[in-house]
N, C-alpha and C. Protein backbone atom coordinates (compact mmCIF):
# COMPACT_ATOMS: atom_id res chain seq x y z
N MET A 1 -115.79 55.92 -145.26
CA MET A 1 -115.15 56.26 -143.39
C MET A 1 -114.33 57.65 -142.98
N ASP A 2 -114.60 58.06 -142.07
CA ASP A 2 -114.28 59.48 -141.98
C ASP A 2 -112.84 59.14 -141.36
N ILE A 3 -112.33 60.60 -141.44
CA ILE A 3 -110.26 59.91 -140.23
C ILE A 3 -110.18 60.05 -138.96
N PHE A 4 -111.43 59.52 -138.12
CA PHE A 4 -111.77 59.65 -136.94
C PHE A 4 -112.48 57.50 -136.36
N SER A 5 -112.92 57.78 -137.61
CA SER A 5 -112.93 56.53 -137.67
C SER A 5 -112.22 55.38 -138.33
N LYS A 6 -111.34 56.23 -138.82
CA LYS A 6 -109.70 55.19 -139.43
C LYS A 6 -108.73 55.11 -138.51
N ILE A 7 -109.08 56.02 -137.67
CA ILE A 7 -108.03 56.08 -135.98
C ILE A 7 -108.30 55.13 -135.47
N ALA A 8 -109.52 54.93 -135.03
CA ALA A 8 -110.84 54.70 -134.16
C ALA A 8 -110.28 52.83 -134.26
N ALA A 9 -110.17 52.62 -135.43
CA ALA A 9 -110.32 51.64 -135.81
C ALA A 9 -108.49 50.50 -136.34
N GLY A 10 -107.52 51.93 -135.86
CA GLY A 10 -106.25 51.31 -136.25
C GLY A 10 -105.81 51.40 -137.64
N GLU A 11 -106.35 51.90 -138.66
CA GLU A 11 -106.32 52.33 -140.11
C GLU A 11 -105.36 53.08 -140.36
N ILE A 12 -105.39 54.42 -139.21
CA ILE A 12 -104.35 55.81 -139.00
C ILE A 12 -103.70 55.47 -137.96
N PRO A 13 -102.65 55.80 -137.56
CA PRO A 13 -101.93 55.96 -136.22
C PRO A 13 -102.10 57.29 -135.13
N SER A 14 -102.38 56.39 -134.01
CA SER A 14 -102.23 57.79 -133.21
C SER A 14 -101.94 57.47 -131.98
N TYR A 15 -102.34 58.41 -130.67
CA TYR A 15 -101.11 58.01 -129.56
C TYR A 15 -102.56 58.05 -128.55
N LYS A 16 -102.72 56.51 -128.18
CA LYS A 16 -103.74 56.33 -127.95
C LYS A 16 -103.89 56.72 -126.28
N CYS A 17 -104.72 57.05 -125.41
CA CYS A 17 -104.67 56.97 -124.48
C CYS A 17 -105.96 56.15 -123.70
N ALA A 18 -106.78 55.96 -124.07
CA ALA A 18 -107.96 55.41 -123.45
C ALA A 18 -108.68 54.37 -124.32
N GLU A 19 -109.94 53.69 -124.46
CA GLU A 19 -110.43 52.77 -125.38
C GLU A 19 -111.81 52.10 -124.65
N SER A 20 -112.50 52.09 -125.32
CA SER A 20 -114.05 50.84 -124.76
C SER A 20 -114.07 50.46 -126.21
N ASP A 21 -115.23 49.58 -126.18
CA ASP A 21 -115.86 49.20 -127.16
C ASP A 21 -116.58 49.94 -127.91
N GLN A 22 -117.20 50.95 -127.71
CA GLN A 22 -117.91 52.63 -127.82
C GLN A 22 -116.77 53.72 -128.36
N PHE A 23 -116.00 54.01 -127.65
CA PHE A 23 -115.23 54.63 -127.36
C PHE A 23 -113.65 55.15 -127.56
N TYR A 24 -113.26 56.18 -128.19
CA TYR A 24 -111.73 55.93 -128.16
C TYR A 24 -111.28 57.30 -128.25
N ALA A 25 -109.91 57.68 -127.07
CA ALA A 25 -109.68 58.49 -126.82
C ALA A 25 -108.24 58.28 -127.41
N PHE A 26 -107.62 59.50 -127.61
CA PHE A 26 -105.89 59.86 -128.75
C PHE A 26 -105.67 61.29 -128.25
N LEU A 27 -104.63 61.22 -128.20
CA LEU A 27 -104.05 62.51 -128.30
C LEU A 27 -104.03 63.61 -129.29
N ASP A 28 -104.63 65.18 -129.40
CA ASP A 28 -104.55 65.54 -130.44
C ASP A 28 -103.17 66.43 -131.33
N ILE A 29 -103.00 66.28 -132.00
CA ILE A 29 -102.10 65.75 -133.06
C ILE A 29 -101.34 67.51 -132.82
N ASN A 30 -101.92 68.62 -132.50
CA ASN A 30 -102.08 69.98 -132.48
C ASN A 30 -102.73 70.28 -131.33
N PRO A 31 -101.58 70.23 -130.58
CA PRO A 31 -102.04 70.41 -128.90
C PRO A 31 -102.04 71.74 -128.24
N LEU A 32 -103.25 71.68 -127.90
CA LEU A 32 -102.89 73.26 -126.86
C LEU A 32 -101.50 73.62 -125.55
N VAL A 33 -101.77 72.29 -125.09
CA VAL A 33 -101.20 71.61 -123.98
C VAL A 33 -100.54 70.34 -123.61
N LYS A 34 -99.21 69.69 -123.17
CA LYS A 34 -99.57 68.49 -122.95
C LYS A 34 -100.48 67.88 -122.08
N GLY A 35 -100.93 67.03 -122.77
CA GLY A 35 -102.50 66.16 -122.19
C GLY A 35 -103.42 66.45 -123.02
N HIS A 36 -103.24 66.80 -124.13
CA HIS A 36 -104.88 67.29 -125.43
C HIS A 36 -105.42 66.67 -125.82
N THR A 37 -106.15 65.89 -125.30
CA THR A 37 -107.01 64.59 -125.91
C THR A 37 -108.01 64.87 -126.01
N LEU A 38 -108.21 64.16 -127.86
CA LEU A 38 -110.24 63.82 -128.27
C LEU A 38 -110.22 63.17 -127.90
N VAL A 39 -111.50 62.72 -127.55
CA VAL A 39 -112.68 61.49 -127.37
C VAL A 39 -113.48 61.34 -128.24
N ILE A 40 -113.46 60.56 -129.02
CA ILE A 40 -114.83 60.47 -129.98
C ILE A 40 -115.40 58.97 -129.79
N PRO A 41 -116.91 59.22 -130.05
CA PRO A 41 -117.45 57.72 -130.25
C PRO A 41 -117.43 57.06 -131.47
N ARG A 42 -116.94 55.70 -131.68
CA ARG A 42 -116.41 54.62 -132.78
C ARG A 42 -117.42 55.09 -133.33
N ARG A 43 -118.97 54.89 -133.42
CA ARG A 43 -119.67 55.09 -134.41
C ARG A 43 -119.55 56.17 -134.97
N GLU A 44 -119.52 56.71 -136.41
CA GLU A 44 -119.75 57.47 -136.75
C GLU A 44 -120.94 58.11 -136.55
N VAL A 45 -120.87 59.87 -135.79
CA VAL A 45 -121.63 60.71 -135.94
C VAL A 45 -121.35 61.82 -135.59
N ASP A 46 -121.63 62.77 -136.85
CA ASP A 46 -121.12 63.99 -137.36
C ASP A 46 -121.34 65.12 -135.93
N TYR A 47 -122.16 65.32 -134.41
CA TYR A 47 -123.11 66.08 -134.06
C TYR A 47 -123.21 64.99 -132.92
N VAL A 48 -122.64 65.98 -131.59
CA VAL A 48 -122.72 64.86 -130.40
C VAL A 48 -124.12 65.23 -129.97
N PHE A 49 -124.70 66.51 -130.22
CA PHE A 49 -126.19 66.57 -130.05
C PHE A 49 -127.21 65.64 -130.81
N ASP A 50 -126.67 64.98 -131.56
CA ASP A 50 -126.89 63.68 -132.29
C ASP A 50 -127.22 62.53 -132.18
N MET A 51 -126.60 62.18 -130.95
CA MET A 51 -126.54 60.78 -130.03
C MET A 51 -127.80 60.74 -129.39
N ASP A 52 -128.63 59.38 -129.33
CA ASP A 52 -129.48 59.35 -128.63
C ASP A 52 -128.91 59.60 -126.83
N ASP A 53 -130.00 60.21 -125.77
CA ASP A 53 -129.22 60.22 -124.18
C ASP A 53 -128.69 58.51 -123.61
N GLU A 54 -129.02 57.23 -124.20
CA GLU A 54 -128.32 56.72 -123.95
C GLU A 54 -127.24 56.66 -124.25
N GLU A 55 -126.53 56.80 -125.31
CA GLU A 55 -125.26 57.10 -126.04
C GLU A 55 -124.41 58.13 -125.33
N ILE A 56 -125.36 59.44 -125.31
CA ILE A 56 -124.41 60.22 -124.61
C ILE A 56 -123.86 60.45 -123.33
N GLY A 57 -125.13 59.28 -122.88
CA GLY A 57 -124.84 59.64 -121.48
C GLY A 57 -123.43 59.06 -121.01
N ALA A 58 -123.14 58.12 -122.11
CA ALA A 58 -122.46 56.74 -122.17
C ALA A 58 -120.70 57.54 -122.22
N TYR A 59 -121.09 57.89 -123.51
CA TYR A 59 -120.14 58.93 -123.75
C TYR A 59 -119.69 59.81 -123.20
N MET A 60 -120.26 60.71 -122.03
CA MET A 60 -119.62 61.33 -120.68
C MET A 60 -119.20 60.85 -119.71
N GLN A 61 -119.60 59.58 -119.70
CA GLN A 61 -118.82 58.92 -118.48
C GLN A 61 -117.45 58.16 -118.58
N PHE A 62 -117.22 57.73 -120.30
CA PHE A 62 -116.37 57.70 -120.64
C PHE A 62 -114.88 59.23 -120.94
N ALA A 63 -115.58 59.90 -120.91
CA ALA A 63 -114.60 60.98 -120.62
C ALA A 63 -114.63 61.68 -119.72
N LYS A 64 -115.09 61.15 -118.92
CA LYS A 64 -115.14 61.66 -117.42
C LYS A 64 -113.89 60.82 -117.10
N LYS A 65 -113.69 59.22 -117.22
CA LYS A 65 -112.91 59.03 -116.77
C LYS A 65 -111.51 59.57 -117.41
N VAL A 66 -111.20 59.77 -118.68
CA VAL A 66 -110.28 60.19 -119.42
C VAL A 66 -109.70 61.24 -118.58
N ALA A 67 -110.89 62.56 -118.46
CA ALA A 67 -110.59 63.33 -117.87
C ALA A 67 -109.48 63.15 -116.29
N VAL A 68 -110.30 62.36 -116.00
CA VAL A 68 -109.50 62.34 -114.14
C VAL A 68 -108.01 61.22 -114.40
N ALA A 69 -108.10 60.73 -115.58
CA ALA A 69 -106.98 59.78 -115.81
C ALA A 69 -105.65 61.17 -116.30
N ILE A 70 -105.92 62.05 -117.03
CA ILE A 70 -105.45 63.40 -117.48
C ILE A 70 -104.79 64.04 -116.47
N LYS A 71 -105.74 64.14 -115.79
CA LYS A 71 -105.07 64.86 -114.45
C LYS A 71 -104.47 64.32 -113.80
N ARG A 72 -104.62 63.35 -113.55
CA ARG A 72 -103.60 62.17 -112.39
C ARG A 72 -101.94 62.34 -113.60
N ALA A 73 -102.11 62.50 -114.52
CA ALA A 73 -101.21 62.19 -115.47
C ALA A 73 -100.81 63.72 -115.52
N PHE A 74 -101.24 64.92 -115.75
CA PHE A 74 -100.55 65.87 -115.90
C PHE A 74 -101.58 66.71 -114.73
N PRO A 75 -101.09 66.51 -113.68
CA PRO A 75 -101.61 67.99 -112.42
C PRO A 75 -101.19 69.36 -112.92
N CYS A 76 -103.65 69.77 -113.04
CA CYS A 76 -103.33 70.51 -113.44
C CYS A 76 -104.68 71.27 -112.23
N VAL A 77 -105.11 72.30 -112.52
CA VAL A 77 -106.29 72.82 -111.52
C VAL A 77 -107.60 72.28 -112.05
N LYS A 78 -107.73 72.15 -113.60
CA LYS A 78 -108.98 71.11 -113.98
C LYS A 78 -108.69 71.12 -115.55
N VAL A 79 -109.54 69.78 -116.33
CA VAL A 79 -109.70 69.71 -117.27
C VAL A 79 -110.65 70.32 -117.89
N GLY A 80 -110.21 70.48 -118.57
CA GLY A 80 -111.54 71.93 -119.43
C GLY A 80 -112.11 70.81 -120.59
N MET A 81 -113.30 70.94 -120.99
CA MET A 81 -114.14 70.38 -122.18
C MET A 81 -114.06 71.13 -123.51
N ALA A 82 -114.21 70.73 -124.59
CA ALA A 82 -114.97 71.85 -125.59
C ALA A 82 -115.32 70.45 -126.61
N VAL A 83 -116.67 71.26 -126.59
CA VAL A 83 -116.86 70.47 -128.11
C VAL A 83 -117.39 71.23 -129.53
N LEU A 84 -116.26 71.20 -129.95
CA LEU A 84 -116.61 72.30 -131.27
C LEU A 84 -116.71 71.14 -132.23
N GLY A 85 -116.23 70.73 -133.12
CA GLY A 85 -116.39 70.04 -134.35
C GLY A 85 -116.65 70.39 -135.58
N LEU A 86 -115.76 71.53 -136.31
CA LEU A 86 -116.04 72.16 -137.49
C LEU A 86 -115.27 71.32 -138.53
N GLU A 87 -114.37 71.01 -137.99
CA GLU A 87 -113.38 71.30 -138.68
C GLU A 87 -113.28 68.94 -139.06
N VAL A 88 -113.54 68.83 -138.41
CA VAL A 88 -113.91 67.24 -138.84
C VAL A 88 -115.50 66.67 -138.61
N PRO A 89 -115.54 65.85 -139.87
CA PRO A 89 -117.30 65.51 -139.47
C PRO A 89 -117.19 64.43 -138.31
N HIS A 90 -116.86 64.45 -136.77
CA HIS A 90 -117.21 63.02 -136.76
C HIS A 90 -117.15 64.04 -135.11
N ALA A 91 -118.27 63.01 -134.16
CA ALA A 91 -118.81 64.24 -133.01
C ALA A 91 -117.11 63.68 -131.57
N HIS A 92 -116.51 64.58 -131.91
CA HIS A 92 -115.47 64.76 -130.64
C HIS A 92 -115.48 66.07 -129.49
N ILE A 93 -115.00 65.31 -128.40
CA ILE A 93 -114.82 66.33 -127.30
C ILE A 93 -113.17 66.36 -127.13
N HIS A 94 -113.13 67.62 -126.64
CA HIS A 94 -111.13 67.83 -126.19
C HIS A 94 -111.37 68.49 -124.77
N LEU A 95 -110.34 67.48 -124.47
CA LEU A 95 -109.84 67.80 -123.26
C LEU A 95 -108.49 67.93 -123.02
N VAL A 96 -108.43 69.26 -122.32
CA VAL A 96 -107.44 70.17 -121.70
C VAL A 96 -107.14 70.28 -120.53
N PRO A 97 -105.74 70.28 -120.43
CA PRO A 97 -105.76 70.16 -118.55
C PRO A 97 -105.21 71.75 -119.02
N MET A 98 -105.92 72.22 -117.64
CA MET A 98 -105.76 74.06 -117.52
C MET A 98 -104.71 74.09 -116.06
N GLN A 99 -104.21 75.22 -116.56
CA GLN A 99 -103.34 75.74 -115.16
C GLN A 99 -104.47 77.36 -114.85
N SER A 100 -104.83 77.95 -115.90
CA SER A 100 -105.94 78.81 -116.07
C SER A 100 -106.62 78.32 -117.51
N GLU A 101 -107.93 79.58 -117.42
CA GLU A 101 -107.91 79.09 -118.32
C GLU A 101 -107.79 79.72 -120.04
N LYS A 102 -106.70 81.07 -120.04
CA LYS A 102 -106.36 80.76 -121.44
C LYS A 102 -105.82 79.38 -122.11
N ASP A 103 -105.38 78.44 -121.41
CA ASP A 103 -105.10 77.27 -121.80
C ASP A 103 -105.87 76.72 -122.61
N MET A 104 -107.44 77.13 -122.77
CA MET A 104 -108.43 76.69 -123.78
C MET A 104 -108.47 77.82 -124.76
N LEU A 105 -107.57 78.39 -124.76
CA LEU A 105 -108.38 78.95 -126.65
C LEU A 105 -107.55 78.69 -127.12
N PHE A 106 -108.50 77.89 -128.37
CA PHE A 106 -107.68 77.46 -129.48
C PHE A 106 -106.88 78.57 -130.23
N SER A 107 -106.84 79.40 -130.50
CA SER A 107 -106.41 80.79 -130.97
C SER A 107 -104.67 81.01 -130.37
N ASN A 108 -104.75 80.06 -129.59
CA ASN A 108 -103.23 80.25 -129.07
C ASN A 108 -102.33 79.42 -129.98
N PRO A 109 -101.38 79.83 -129.98
CA PRO A 109 -100.27 78.62 -130.71
C PRO A 109 -99.94 76.97 -129.96
N LYS A 110 -99.67 76.65 -131.21
CA LYS A 110 -100.28 74.90 -130.78
C LYS A 110 -98.50 74.62 -130.47
N LEU A 111 -98.61 73.22 -129.61
CA LEU A 111 -97.36 73.06 -129.27
C LEU A 111 -96.90 71.90 -130.45
N LYS A 112 -95.29 71.83 -130.59
CA LYS A 112 -94.77 71.19 -131.55
C LYS A 112 -93.84 70.11 -130.14
N LEU A 113 -94.47 68.85 -130.72
CA LEU A 113 -94.23 68.14 -129.72
C LEU A 113 -93.59 66.66 -130.79
N SER A 114 -92.42 66.14 -130.28
CA SER A 114 -91.55 65.49 -131.30
C SER A 114 -92.44 64.02 -130.80
N GLU A 115 -91.77 63.02 -131.63
CA GLU A 115 -92.56 61.48 -131.51
C GLU A 115 -93.00 60.65 -130.14
N GLU A 116 -91.51 61.10 -129.45
CA GLU A 116 -91.09 60.39 -128.51
C GLU A 116 -92.09 61.26 -127.23
N GLU A 117 -92.16 62.77 -127.01
CA GLU A 117 -93.03 63.52 -126.38
C GLU A 117 -94.21 62.47 -126.63
N PHE A 118 -95.17 62.72 -127.50
CA PHE A 118 -96.44 61.71 -127.59
C PHE A 118 -96.20 60.71 -127.10
N LYS A 119 -95.73 59.88 -127.56
CA LYS A 119 -95.64 58.66 -126.88
C LYS A 119 -95.65 58.45 -125.10
N GLU A 120 -94.86 59.17 -125.17
CA GLU A 120 -94.48 59.63 -123.64
C GLU A 120 -96.19 59.94 -123.05
N ILE A 121 -96.79 61.50 -123.32
CA ILE A 121 -98.00 61.36 -123.02
C ILE A 121 -99.21 60.66 -122.79
N SER A 122 -99.20 60.03 -124.32
CA SER A 122 -100.08 58.97 -124.15
C SER A 122 -99.87 57.51 -123.23
N SER A 123 -98.97 57.48 -122.90
CA SER A 123 -98.58 56.54 -122.31
C SER A 123 -98.67 56.48 -120.88
N ARG A 124 -98.31 57.92 -120.26
CA ARG A 124 -98.89 58.42 -118.58
C ARG A 124 -100.23 58.32 -118.53
N ILE A 125 -100.88 58.78 -119.93
CA ILE A 125 -102.53 58.74 -119.96
C ILE A 125 -103.56 57.68 -119.70
N LEU A 126 -102.79 56.67 -120.37
CA LEU A 126 -103.04 55.54 -120.52
C LEU A 126 -103.01 54.49 -119.28
N LYS A 127 -101.73 54.57 -118.75
CA LYS A 127 -101.54 53.54 -117.69
C LYS A 127 -102.48 54.62 -116.63
N GLU A 128 -102.66 55.48 -116.23
CA GLU A 128 -103.77 56.37 -115.58
C GLU A 128 -104.94 55.84 -115.90
N PHE A 129 -105.62 55.20 -116.87
CA PHE A 129 -106.71 55.00 -117.35
C PHE A 129 -107.01 53.93 -116.82
N GLU A 130 -105.99 53.26 -117.55
CA GLU A 130 -106.23 51.79 -116.92
C GLU A 130 -105.99 51.33 -115.59
N SER A 131 -105.93 51.96 -114.93
CA SER A 131 -105.72 52.08 -112.89
C SER A 131 -107.30 51.97 -112.60
N LEU A 132 -108.00 53.43 -113.23
CA LEU A 132 -108.98 53.61 -112.95
C LEU A 132 -110.36 52.25 -112.57
């Protein structure tokens, strides 16, 4: 079981933003900006494009709902999406609230947030997600 599967299963703590039977969303612990969220399938799959068409469609619909919740919780111009996936062998989408494209530069310094800040951010996103 990889680290993201353990997070989705609750074996490793995370700051939950949204979940369904198939997918799980949680805050990136090294965020580019407040609200930077990871969206993963619960099923272990290394590469997004290894998912079948039905699953990837459902994944994108779930990610869209999470992005809407992020934008409501953290007003921004758009929520950017990046699929990188080299650092953890489990498919994942980065959703990043953007005021400008510079907010999506993964070479930017990462925010250092307290546990209280992470809890407040995830709570805001989860509340918006559940209201959709």
